[in-house]
Amino acid sequence: MDGFVPAHFLGWYIKTLMIRDWWMCMIISVMFEFLEYSLEHQLPNFSECWWDHWIMDVLLCNGLGIYCGMKTLAWLSMKPYQWQGLWNIPTYK
């Protein structure tokens, strides 16, 4: 285990406490992995095998951080947000 495992977990735990939306956090997590794919030729530590990108990073580290963040929000009785329906609010404009 290297230093990136707790960094991924703690980073997504804190990001979830800020964003408060499970879907938005998962979408950003997946899109960041695509960003890592596109930057493999510039940063050698982004050159990982497929299971490290998708199983270790997205599902285990990021997913567990997001899950624990959502459980912490529920434990603190904080309201979760739903960013995907933002444009449906009539007074948003």
PDB file of N, CA and C in Angstrom:
ATOM      1  N   MET A   1       0.861  -1.182   0.000  1.00  0.00           N
ATOM      2  CA  MET A   1       0.000   0.000   0.000  1.00  0.00           C
ATOM      3  C   MET A   1       0.901   1.236   0.000  1.00  0.00           C
ATOM      4  N   ASP A   2       0.616   2.141  -0.897  1.00  0.00           N
ATOM      5  CA  ASP A   2       1.402   3.363  -0.959  1.00  0.00           C
ATOM      6  C   ASP A   2       0.608   4.540  -0.394  1.00  0.00           C
ATOM      7  N   GLY A   3       1.174   5.712  -0.457  1.00  0.00           N
ATOM      8  CA  GLY A   3       0.538   6.895   0.120  1.00  0.00           C
ATOM      9  C   GLY A   3      -0.680   7.383  -0.626  1.00  0.00           C
ATOM     10  N   PHE A   4      -0.880   6.877  -1.861  1.00  0.00           N
ATOM     11  CA  PHE A   4      -2.014   7.337  -2.642  1.00  0.00           C
ATOM     12  C   PHE A   4      -3.338   6.732  -2.158  1.00  0.00           C
ATOM     13  N   VAL A   5      -3.296   5.579  -1.500  1.00  0.00           N
ATOM     14  CA  VAL A   5      -4.534   4.939  -1.025  1.00  0.00           C
ATOM     15  C   VAL A   5      -5.209   5.804   0.041  1.00  0.00           C
ATOM     16  N   PRO A   6      -4.529   6.177   1.130  1.00  0.00           N
ATOM     17  CA  PRO A   6      -5.196   7.073   2.086  1.00  0.00           C
ATOM     18  C   PRO A   6      -5.478   8.460   1.515  1.00  0.00           C
ATOM     19  N   ALA A   7      -4.652   8.897   0.560  1.00  0.00           N
ATOM     20  CA  ALA A   7      -4.890  10.209  -0.052  1.00  0.00           C
ATOM     21  C   ALA A   7      -6.184  10.199  -0.852  1.00  0.00           C
ATOM     22  N   HIS A   8      -6.413   9.129  -1.629  1.00  0.00           N
ATOM     23  CA  HIS A   8      -7.669   9.008  -2.372  1.00  0.00           C
ATOM     24  C   HIS A   8      -8.855   8.941  -1.407  1.00  0.00           C
ATOM     25  N   PHE A   9      -8.746   8.090  -0.388  1.00  0.00           N
ATOM     26  CA  PHE A   9      -9.851   7.924   0.565  1.00  0.00           C
ATOM     27  C   PHE A   9     -10.161   9.224   1.291  1.00  0.00           C
ATOM     28  N   LEU A  10      -9.161   9.829   1.901  1.00  0.00           N
ATOM     29  CA  LEU A  10      -9.398  11.059   2.669  1.00  0.00           C
ATOM     30  C   LEU A  10      -9.820  12.219   1.776  1.00  0.00           C
ATOM     31  N   GLY A  11      -9.248  12.275   0.571  1.00  0.00           N
ATOM     32  CA  GLY A  11      -9.638  13.331  -0.353  1.00  0.00           C
ATOM     33  C   GLY A  11     -11.112  13.247  -0.724  1.00  0.00           C
ATOM     34  N   TRP A  12     -11.575  12.039  -1.054  1.00  0.00           N
ATOM     35  CA  TRP A  12     -12.983  11.909  -1.433  1.00  0.00           C
ATOM     36  C   TRP A  12     -13.914  11.965  -0.227  1.00  0.00           C
ATOM     37  N   TYR A  13     -13.435  11.609   0.942  1.00  0.00           N
ATOM     38  CA  TYR A  13     -14.232  11.780   2.156  1.00  0.00           C
ATOM     39  C   TYR A  13     -14.518  13.270   2.380  1.00  0.00           C
ATOM     40  N   ILE A  14     -13.494  14.090   2.284  1.00  0.00           N
ATOM     41  CA  ILE A  14     -13.656  15.528   2.507  1.00  0.00           C
ATOM     42  C   ILE A  14     -14.434  16.177   1.362  1.00  0.00           C
ATOM     43  N   LYS A  15     -14.174  15.750   0.109  1.00  0.00           N
ATOM     44  CA  LYS A  15     -14.928  16.297  -1.019  1.00  0.00           C
ATOM     45  C   LYS A  15     -16.414  15.981  -0.899  1.00  0.00           C
ATOM     46  N   THR A  16     -16.739  14.789  -0.390  1.00  0.00           N
ATOM     47  CA  THR A  16     -18.142  14.431  -0.200  1.00  0.00           C
ATOM     48  C   THR A  16     -18.788  15.298   0.867  1.00  0.00           C
ATOM     49  N   LEU A  17     -18.049  15.625   1.906  1.00  0.00           N
ATOM     50  CA  LEU A  17     -18.594  16.518   2.937  1.00  0.00           C
ATOM     51  C   LEU A  17     -18.868  17.905   2.377  1.00  0.00           C
ATOM     52  N   MET A  18     -18.129  18.309   1.344  1.00  0.00           N
ATOM     53  CA  MET A  18     -18.347  19.619   0.734  1.00  0.00           C
ATOM     54  C   MET A  18     -19.432  19.570  -0.341  1.00  0.00           C
ATOM     55  N   ILE A  19     -19.379  18.563  -1.211  1.00  0.00           N
ATOM     56  CA  ILE A  19     -20.320  18.497  -2.334  1.00  0.00           C
ATOM     57  C   ILE A  19     -21.683  17.963  -1.905  1.00  0.00           C
ATOM     58  N   ARG A  20     -21.715  16.980  -1.012  1.00  0.00           N
ATOM     59  CA  ARG A  20     -22.926  16.402  -0.421  1.00  0.00           C
ATOM     60  C   ARG A  20     -23.867  15.727  -1.419  1.00  0.00           C
ATOM     61  N   ASP A  21     -23.354  15.256  -2.539  1.00  0.00           N
ATOM     62  CA  ASP A  21     -24.184  14.562  -3.524  1.00  0.00           C
ATOM     63  C   ASP A  21     -23.424  13.333  -4.003  1.00  0.00           C
ATOM     64  N   TRP A  22     -24.008  12.150  -3.768  1.00  0.00           N
ATOM     65  CA  TRP A  22     -23.349  10.897  -4.098  1.00  0.00           C
ATOM     66  C   TRP A  22     -23.096  10.787  -5.595  1.00  0.00           C
ATOM     67  N   TRP A  23     -24.097  11.083  -6.420  1.00  0.00           N
ATOM     68  CA  TRP A  23     -23.939  10.974  -7.864  1.00  0.00           C
ATOM     69  C   TRP A  23     -22.889  11.932  -8.398  1.00  0.00           C
ATOM     70  N   MET A  24     -22.898  13.153  -7.947  1.00  0.00           N
ATOM     71  CA  MET A  24     -21.924  14.134  -8.425  1.00  0.00           C
ATOM     72  C   MET A  24     -20.499  13.711  -8.040  1.00  0.00           C
ATOM     73  N   CYS A  25     -20.325  13.209  -6.835  1.00  0.00           N
ATOM     74  CA  CYS A  25     -18.999  12.751  -6.413  1.00  0.00           C
ATOM     75  C   CYS A  25     -18.529  11.573  -7.247  1.00  0.00           C
ATOM     76  N   MET A  26     -19.415  10.630  -7.552  1.00  0.00           N
ATOM     77  CA  MET A  26     -19.024   9.479  -8.371  1.00  0.00           C
ATOM     78  C   MET A  26     -18.687   9.903  -9.796  1.00  0.00           C
ATOM     79  N   ILE A  27     -19.453  10.821 -10.352  1.00  0.00           N
ATOM     80  CA  ILE A  27     -19.166  11.305 -11.703  1.00  0.00           C
ATOM     81  C   ILE A  27     -17.814  12.003 -11.740  1.00  0.00           C
ATOM     82  N   ILE A  28     -17.534  12.850 -10.772  1.00  0.00           N
ATOM     83  CA  ILE A  28     -16.245  13.547 -10.727  1.00  0.00           C
ATOM     84  C   ILE A  28     -15.106  12.548 -10.532  1.00  0.00           C
ATOM     85  N   SER A  29     -15.326  11.516  -9.718  1.00  0.00           N
ATOM     86  CA  SER A  29     -14.319  10.497  -9.488  1.00  0.00           C
ATOM     87  C   SER A  29     -13.979   9.751 -10.775  1.00  0.00           C
ATOM     88  N   VAL A  30     -15.002   9.343 -11.527  1.00  0.00           N
ATOM     89  CA  VAL A  30     -14.780   8.634 -12.788  1.00  0.00           C
ATOM     90  C   VAL A  30     -14.111   9.551 -13.815  1.00  0.00           C
ATOM     91  N   MET A  31     -14.551  10.791 -13.884  1.00  0.00           N
ATOM     92  CA  MET A  31     -13.960  11.714 -14.841  1.00  0.00           C
ATOM     93  C   MET A  31     -12.489  12.005 -14.511  1.00  0.00           C
ATOM     94  N   PHE A  32     -12.139  12.004 -13.225  1.00  0.00           N
ATOM     95  CA  PHE A  32     -10.744  12.198 -12.861  1.00  0.00           C
ATOM     96  C   PHE A  32      -9.894  11.020 -13.326  1.00  0.00           C
ATOM     97  N   GLU A  33     -10.450   9.806 -13.302  1.00  0.00           N
ATOM     98  CA  GLU A  33      -9.700   8.653 -13.810  1.00  0.00           C
ATOM     99  C   GLU A  33      -9.483   8.770 -15.317  1.00  0.00           C
ATOM    100  N   PHE A  34     -10.468   9.281 -16.050  1.00  0.00           N
ATOM    101  CA  PHE A  34     -10.263   9.535 -17.477  1.00  0.00           C
ATOM    102  C   PHE A  34      -9.187  10.600 -17.688  1.00  0.00           C
ATOM    103  N   LEU A  35      -9.148  11.584 -16.797  1.00  0.00           N
ATOM    104  CA  LEU A  35      -8.106  12.607 -16.873  1.00  0.00           C
ATOM    105  C   LEU A  35      -6.728  11.985 -16.649  1.00  0.00           C
ATOM    106  N   GLU A  36      -6.641  11.041 -15.711  1.00  0.00           N
ATOM    107  CA  GLU A  36      -5.379  10.343 -15.494  1.00  0.00           C
ATOM    108  C   GLU A  36      -4.957   9.577 -16.743  1.00  0.00           C
ATOM    109  N   TYR A  37      -5.922   8.929 -17.417  1.00  0.00           N
ATOM    110  CA  TYR A  37      -5.607   8.239 -18.671  1.00  0.00           C
ATOM    111  C   TYR A  37      -5.009   9.209 -19.690  1.00  0.00           C
ATOM    112  N   SER A  38      -5.578  10.391 -19.786  1.00  0.00           N
ATOM    113  CA  SER A  38      -5.117  11.342 -20.798  1.00  0.00           C
ATOM    114  C   SER A  38      -3.770  11.967 -20.448  1.00  0.00           C
ATOM    115  N   LEU A  39      -3.368  11.907 -19.191  1.00  0.00           N
ATOM    116  CA  LEU A  39      -2.100  12.506 -18.775  1.00  0.00           C
ATOM    117  C   LEU A  39      -1.010  11.472 -18.484  1.00  0.00           C
ATOM    118  N   GLU A  40      -1.245  10.214 -18.864  1.00  0.00           N
ATOM    119  CA  GLU A  40      -0.247   9.171 -18.608  1.00  0.00           C
ATOM    120  C   GLU A  40       1.090   9.462 -19.275  1.00  0.00           C
ATOM    121  N   HIS A  41       1.068  10.076 -20.440  1.00  0.00           N
ATOM    122  CA  HIS A  41       2.314  10.347 -21.162  1.00  0.00           C
ATOM    123  C   HIS A  41       3.130  11.477 -20.525  1.00  0.00           C
ATOM    124  N   GLN A  42       2.515  12.279 -19.658  1.00  0.00           N
ATOM    125  CA  GLN A  42       3.237  13.375 -19.018  1.00  0.00           C
ATOM    126  C   GLN A  42       3.640  13.061 -17.586  1.00  0.00           C
ATOM    127  N   LEU A  43       2.801  12.317 -16.877  1.00  0.00           N
ATOM    128  CA  LEU A  43       3.088  11.982 -15.480  1.00  0.00           C
ATOM    129  C   LEU A  43       3.179  10.461 -15.340  1.00  0.00           C
ATOM    130  N   PRO A  44       4.353   9.929 -15.085  1.00  0.00           N
ATOM    131  CA  PRO A  44       4.518   8.480 -15.057  1.00  0.00           C
ATOM    132  C   PRO A  44       3.730   7.775 -13.958  1.00  0.00           C
ATOM    133  N   ASN A  45       3.438   8.446 -12.853  1.00  0.00           N
ATOM    134  CA  ASN A  45       2.679   7.775 -11.792  1.00  0.00           C
ATOM    135  C   ASN A  45       1.202   7.601 -12.161  1.00  0.00           C
ATOM    136  N   PHE A  46       0.720   8.233 -13.221  1.00  0.00           N
ATOM    137  CA  PHE A  46      -0.645   8.001 -13.704  1.00  0.00           C
ATOM    138  C   PHE A  46      -0.727   6.763 -14.587  1.00  0.00           C
ATOM    139  N   SER A  47       0.398   6.205 -14.976  1.00  0.00           N
ATOM    140  CA  SER A  47       0.414   5.011 -15.829  1.00  0.00           C
ATOM    141  C   SER A  47       0.186   3.784 -14.958  1.00  0.00           C
ATOM    142  N   GLU A  48      -1.065   3.406 -14.820  1.00  0.00           N
ATOM    143  CA  GLU A  48      -1.459   2.273 -13.995  1.00  0.00           C
ATOM    144  C   GLU A  48      -2.178   1.251 -14.863  1.00  0.00           C
ATOM    145  N   CYS A  49      -2.329   0.032 -14.354  1.00  0.00           N
ATOM    146  CA  CYS A  49      -3.106  -0.953 -15.096  1.00  0.00           C
ATOM    147  C   CYS A  49      -4.603  -0.678 -14.879  1.00  0.00           C
ATOM    148  N   TRP A  50      -5.450  -1.291 -15.698  1.00  0.00           N
ATOM    149  CA  TRP A  50      -6.877  -0.976 -15.704  1.00  0.00           C
ATOM    150  C   TRP A  50      -7.533  -1.232 -14.357  1.00  0.00           C
ATOM    151  N   TRP A  51      -7.146  -2.329 -13.680  1.00  0.00           N
ATOM    152  CA  TRP A  51      -7.810  -2.639 -12.410  1.00  0.00           C
ATOM    153  C   TRP A  51      -7.406  -1.667 -11.314  1.00  0.00           C
ATOM    154  N   ASP A  52      -6.228  -1.074 -11.431  1.00  0.00           N
ATOM    155  CA  ASP A  52      -5.827  -0.074 -10.447  1.00  0.00           C
ATOM    156  C   ASP A  52      -6.641   1.204 -10.621  1.00  0.00           C
ATOM    157  N   HIS A  53      -6.926   1.571 -11.869  1.00  0.00           N
ATOM    158  CA  HIS A  53      -7.767   2.746 -12.130  1.00  0.00           C
ATOM    159  C   HIS A  53      -9.190   2.521 -11.630  1.00  0.00           C
ATOM    160  N   TRP A  54      -9.793   1.431 -12.040  1.00  0.00           N
ATOM    161  CA  TRP A  54     -11.236   1.264 -11.856  1.00  0.00           C
ATOM    162  C   TRP A  54     -11.618   0.528 -10.584  1.00  0.00           C
ATOM    163  N   ILE A  55     -10.851  -0.471 -10.171  1.00  0.00           N
ATOM    164  CA  ILE A  55     -11.229  -1.217  -8.965  1.00  0.00           C
ATOM    165  C   ILE A  55     -10.643  -0.566  -7.723  1.00  0.00           C
ATOM    166  N   MET A  56      -9.324  -0.351  -7.731  1.00  0.00           N
ATOM    167  CA  MET A  56      -8.692   0.211  -6.536  1.00  0.00           C
ATOM    168  C   MET A  56      -9.054   1.680  -6.323  1.00  0.00           C
ATOM    169  N   ASP A  57      -8.952   2.483  -7.387  1.00  0.00           N
ATOM    170  CA  ASP A  57      -9.179   3.919  -7.221  1.00  0.00           C
ATOM    171  C   ASP A  57     -10.669   4.252  -7.112  1.00  0.00           C
ATOM    172  N   VAL A  58     -11.431   3.928  -8.148  1.00  0.00           N
ATOM    173  CA  VAL A  58     -12.836   4.359  -8.187  1.00  0.00           C
ATOM    174  C   VAL A  58     -13.688   3.606  -7.174  1.00  0.00           C
ATOM    175  N   LEU A  59     -13.644   2.288  -7.193  1.00  0.00           N
ATOM    176  CA  LEU A  59     -14.553   1.518  -6.335  1.00  0.00           C
ATOM    177  C   LEU A  59     -14.109   1.480  -4.876  1.00  0.00           C
ATOM    178  N   LEU A  60     -12.855   1.133  -4.633  1.00  0.00           N
ATOM    179  CA  LEU A  60     -12.442   0.961  -3.243  1.00  0.00           C
ATOM    180  C   LEU A  60     -12.069   2.268  -2.549  1.00  0.00           C
ATOM    181  N   CYS A  61     -11.063   2.965  -3.055  1.00  0.00           N
ATOM    182  CA  CYS A  61     -10.593   4.167  -2.352  1.00  0.00           C
ATOM    183  C   CYS A  61     -11.600   5.311  -2.437  1.00  0.00           C
ATOM    184  N   ASN A  62     -11.941   5.710  -3.664  1.00  0.00           N
ATOM    185  CA  ASN A  62     -12.867   6.828  -3.827  1.00  0.00           C
ATOM    186  C   ASN A  62     -14.271   6.451  -3.358  1.00  0.00           C
ATOM    187  N   GLY A  63     -14.731   5.266  -3.769  1.00  0.00           N
ATOM    188  CA  GLY A  63     -16.085   4.835  -3.397  1.00  0.00           C
ATOM    189  C   GLY A  63     -16.261   4.707  -1.901  1.00  0.00           C
ATOM    190  N   LEU A  64     -15.263   4.154  -1.230  1.00  0.00           N
ATOM    191  CA  LEU A  64     -15.351   4.021   0.224  1.00  0.00           C
ATOM    192  C   LEU A  64     -15.290   5.388   0.905  1.00  0.00           C
ATOM    193  N   GLY A  65     -14.482   6.290   0.372  1.00  0.00           N
ATOM    194  CA  GLY A  65     -14.435   7.647   0.921  1.00  0.00           C
ATOM    195  C   GLY A  65     -15.758   8.373   0.739  1.00  0.00           C
ATOM    196  N   ILE A  66     -16.391   8.195  -0.430  1.00  0.00           N
ATOM    197  CA  ILE A  66     -17.692   8.812  -0.691  1.00  0.00           C
ATOM    198  C   ILE A  66     -18.753   8.201   0.205  1.00  0.00           C
ATOM    199  N   TYR A  67     -18.728   6.880   0.359  1.00  0.00           N
ATOM    200  CA  TYR A  67     -19.709   6.204   1.218  1.00  0.00           C
ATOM    201  C   TYR A  67     -19.571   6.672   2.672  1.00  0.00           C
ATOM    202  N   CYS A  68     -18.343   6.702   3.178  1.00  0.00           N
ATOM    203  CA  CYS A  68     -18.131   7.155   4.564  1.00  0.00           C
ATOM    204  C   CYS A  68     -18.504   8.630   4.731  1.00  0.00           C
ATOM    205  N   GLY A  69     -18.254   9.437   3.704  1.00  0.00           N
ATOM    206  CA  GLY A  69     -18.650  10.840   3.761  1.00  0.00           C
ATOM    207  C   GLY A  69     -20.158  11.004   3.819  1.00  0.00           C
ATOM    208  N   MET A  70     -20.886  10.203   3.031  1.00  0.00           N
ATOM    209  CA  MET A  70     -22.352  10.279   3.066  1.00  0.00           C
ATOM    210  C   MET A  70     -22.897   9.779   4.401  1.00  0.00           C
ATOM    211  N   LYS A  71     -22.261   8.743   4.963  1.00  0.00           N
ATOM    212  CA  LYS A  71     -22.677   8.261   6.286  1.00  0.00           C
ATOM    213  C   LYS A  71     -22.393   9.300   7.365  1.00  0.00           C
ATOM    214  N   THR A  72     -21.297  10.021   7.235  1.00  0.00           N
ATOM    215  CA  THR A  72     -20.992  11.092   8.191  1.00  0.00           C
ATOM    216  C   THR A  72     -22.012  12.215   8.081  1.00  0.00           C
ATOM    217  N   LEU A  73     -22.408  12.555   6.848  1.00  0.00           N
ATOM    218  CA  LEU A  73     -23.447  13.578   6.661  1.00  0.00           C
ATOM    219  C   LEU A  73     -24.754  13.148   7.311  1.00  0.00           C
ATOM    220  N   ALA A  74     -25.117  11.874   7.156  1.00  0.00           N
ATOM    221  CA  ALA A  74     -26.344  11.372   7.791  1.00  0.00           C
ATOM    222  C   ALA A  74     -26.209  11.387   9.310  1.00  0.00           C
ATOM    223  N   TRP A  75     -25.032  11.018   9.818  1.00  0.00           N
ATOM    224  CA  TRP A  75     -24.813  10.998  11.261  1.00  0.00           C
ATOM    225  C   TRP A  75     -24.874  12.405  11.846  1.00  0.00           C
ATOM    226  N   LEU A  76     -24.394  13.383  11.086  1.00  0.00           N
ATOM    227  CA  LEU A  76     -24.439  14.777  11.549  1.00  0.00           C
ATOM    228  C   LEU A  76     -25.765  15.458  11.230  1.00  0.00           C
ATOM    229  N   SER A  77     -26.692  14.726  10.618  1.00  0.00           N
ATOM    230  CA  SER A  77     -28.011  15.244  10.213  1.00  0.00           C
ATOM    231  C   SER A  77     -27.889  16.447   9.286  1.00  0.00           C
ATOM    232  N   MET A  78     -26.936  16.388   8.382  1.00  0.00           N
ATOM    233  CA  MET A  78     -26.757  17.455   7.393  1.00  0.00           C
ATOM    234  C   MET A  78     -27.520  17.087   6.136  1.00  0.00           C
ATOM    235  N   LYS A  79     -28.072  18.086   5.498  1.00  0.00           N
ATOM    236  CA  LYS A  79     -28.892  17.864   4.315  1.00  0.00           C
ATOM    237  C   LYS A  79     -28.022  17.514   3.110  1.00  0.00           C
ATOM    238  N   PRO A  80     -28.278  16.367   2.447  1.00  0.00           N
ATOM    239  CA  PRO A  80     -27.554  16.088   1.197  1.00  0.00           C
ATOM    240  C   PRO A  80     -28.134  16.922   0.059  1.00  0.00           C
ATOM    241  N   TYR A  81     -27.289  17.262  -0.903  1.00  0.00           N
ATOM    242  CA  TYR A  81     -27.728  18.037  -2.059  1.00  0.00           C
ATOM    243  C   TYR A  81     -27.990  17.112  -3.240  1.00  0.00           C
ATOM    244  N   GLN A  82     -28.757  17.606  -4.205  1.00  0.00           N
ATOM    245  CA  GLN A  82     -28.967  16.903  -5.462  1.00  0.00           C
ATOM    246  C   GLN A  82     -28.666  17.884  -6.585  1.00  0.00           C
ATOM    247  N   TRP A  83     -27.422  17.875  -7.035  1.00  0.00           N
ATOM    248  CA  TRP A  83     -26.972  18.838  -8.029  1.00  0.00           C
ATOM    249  C   TRP A  83     -27.523  18.549  -9.414  1.00  0.00           C
ATOM    250  N   GLN A  84     -27.928  17.305  -9.715  1.00  0.00           N
ATOM    251  CA  GLN A  84     -28.381  16.992 -11.068  1.00  0.00           C
ATOM    252  C   GLN A  84     -29.721  17.630 -11.395  1.00  0.00           C
ATOM    253  N   GLY A  85     -30.532  18.008 -10.444  1.00  0.00           N
ATOM    254  CA  GLY A  85     -31.810  18.646 -10.709  1.00  0.00           C
ATOM    255  C   GLY A  85     -31.780  20.152 -10.536  1.00  0.00           C
ATOM    256  N   LEU A  86     -30.600  20.732 -10.569  1.00  0.00           N
ATOM    257  CA  LEU A  86     -30.450  22.158 -10.295  1.00  0.00           C
ATOM    258  C   LEU A  86     -31.201  23.026 -11.301  1.00  0.00           C
ATOM    259  N   TRP A  87     -31.205  22.632 -12.570  1.00  0.00           N
ATOM    260  CA  TRP A  87     -31.862  23.441 -13.603  1.00  0.00           C
ATOM    261  C   TRP A  87     -33.381  23.337 -13.549  1.00  0.00           C
ATOM    262  N   ASN A  88     -33.922  22.401 -12.771  1.00  0.00           N
ATOM    263  CA  ASN A  88     -35.371  22.249 -12.666  1.00  0.00           C
ATOM    264  C   ASN A  88     -35.984  23.170 -11.610  1.00  0.00           C
ATOM    265  N   ILE A  89     -35.170  23.855 -10.848  1.00  0.00           N
ATOM    266  CA  ILE A  89     -35.669  24.783  -9.822  1.00  0.00           C
ATOM    267  C   ILE A  89     -36.138  26.041 -10.530  1.00  0.00           C
ATOM    268  N   PRO A  90     -37.412  26.434 -10.369  1.00  0.00           N
ATOM    269  CA  PRO A  90     -37.928  27.591 -11.121  1.00  0.00           C
ATOM    270  C   PRO A  90     -37.244  28.903 -10.761  1.00  0.00           C
ATOM    271  N   THR A  91     -36.789  29.084  -9.548  1.00  0.00           N
ATOM    272  CA  THR A  91     -36.185  30.352  -9.144  1.00  0.00           C
ATOM    273  C   THR A  91     -34.669  30.346  -9.278  1.00  0.00           C
ATOM    274  N   TYR A  92     -34.089  29.321  -9.913  1.00  0.00           N
ATOM    275  CA  TYR A  92     -32.643  29.246 -10.042  1.00  0.00           C
ATOM    276  C   TYR A  92     -32.061  30.383 -10.876  1.00  0.00           C
ATOM    277  N   LYS A  93     -32.752  30.777 -11.946  1.00  0.00           N
ATOM    278  CA  LYS A  93     -32.256  31.827 -12.824  1.00  0.00           C
ATOM    279  C   LYS A  93     -32.238  33.149 -12.125  1.00  0.00           C
TER     280      LYS A  93
END
